[in-house]
């Protein structure tokens, strides 16, 4: 995936998953972000982001002590 340049006057919003600020358009393409542009611009993550530090929903909720989780 090639990184797209930031658009002029495009806000940067903190990403909880990557622990850094990302341009708005990158949040809009994130598999964890589900909100519209206005919700993402609020930077209120509970309104638009499913990412939960320490628990990755992509792993389908397997318990962290399961052998599947420990082996990657």
Protein backbone atom coordinates (compact mmCIF):
# COMPACT_ATOMS: atom_id res chain seq x y z
CA UNK A 1 0.00 0.00 0.00
CA UNK A 2 1.52 3.30 -1.04
CA UNK A 3 1.21 6.20 1.32
CA UNK A 4 -0.94 8.99 -0.03
CA UNK A 5 0.21 12.55 0.58
CA UNK A 6 -1.65 14.65 3.10
CA UNK A 7 -4.16 16.98 1.52
CA UNK A 8 -3.83 20.73 2.19
CA UNK A 9 -5.61 21.73 5.42
CA UNK A 10 -6.41 18.10 6.20
CA UNK A 11 -6.48 17.57 9.96
CA UNK A 12 -4.26 15.00 11.66
CA UNK A 13 -5.95 12.88 14.31
CA UNK A 14 -4.23 10.68 16.90
CA UNK A 15 -4.38 6.95 16.07
CA UNK A 16 -4.71 4.74 19.15
CA UNK A 17 -3.48 1.66 17.26
CA UNK A 18 -0.29 3.18 15.86
CA UNK A 19 0.22 5.72 18.70
CA UNK A 20 0.82 8.63 16.31
CA UNK A 21 -1.08 11.28 14.42
CA UNK A 22 -2.44 10.32 11.00
CA UNK A 23 -4.12 12.37 8.29
CA UNK A 24 -7.90 12.16 8.26
CA UNK A 25 -8.03 10.12 5.05
CA UNK A 26 -5.91 7.36 6.64
CA UNK A 27 -8.44 6.99 9.48
CA UNK A 28 -11.20 6.71 6.89
CA UNK A 29 -9.47 3.65 5.37
CA UNK A 30 -8.56 1.97 8.69
CA UNK A 31 -10.32 -1.35 9.41
CA UNK A 32 -10.98 -0.20 13.00
CA UNK A 33 -12.46 3.21 12.15
CA UNK A 34 -16.14 3.18 11.25
CA UNK A 35 -17.27 6.78 11.67
CA UNK A 36 -17.89 9.45 9.10
CA UNK A 37 -15.58 12.42 8.59
CA UNK A 38 -17.34 14.60 11.19
CA UNK A 39 -17.06 11.88 13.85
CA UNK A 40 -13.38 11.24 13.12
CA UNK A 41 -12.66 14.99 13.28
CA UNK A 42 -13.97 15.09 16.87
CA UNK A 43 -11.00 12.90 17.91
CA UNK A 44 -13.40 11.20 20.35
CA UNK A 45 -12.31 7.65 19.60
CA UNK A 46 -15.30 6.00 21.27
CA UNK A 47 -17.42 7.55 18.48
CA UNK A 48 -15.50 6.07 15.54
CA UNK A 49 -12.81 3.55 16.52
CA UNK A 50 -13.14 -0.13 17.48
CA UNK A 51 -9.47 -0.60 18.37
CA UNK A 52 -8.92 -1.69 21.97
CA UNK A 53 -5.31 -1.67 23.17
CA UNK A 54 -4.32 -5.15 24.33
CA UNK A 55 -7.23 -6.80 22.52
CA UNK A 56 -7.12 -7.09 18.76
CA UNK A 57 -10.58 -7.86 17.30
CA UNK A 58 -8.92 -9.29 14.18
CA UNK A 59 -7.94 -12.25 16.40
CA UNK A 60 -11.65 -13.04 16.84
CA UNK A 61 -11.62 -12.67 20.61
CA UNK A 62 -9.49 -15.69 21.48
CA UNK A 63 -8.42 -15.44 25.13
CA UNK A 64 -4.92 -13.97 25.53
CA UNK A 65 -3.72 -17.11 27.36
CA UNK A 66 -4.84 -19.49 24.60
CA UNK A 67 -2.17 -21.41 22.68
CA UNK A 68 -3.48 -19.90 19.43
CA UNK A 69 -2.83 -16.36 20.74
CA UNK A 70 0.59 -17.19 22.16
CA UNK A 71 1.81 -18.79 18.93
CA UNK A 72 0.68 -15.83 16.79
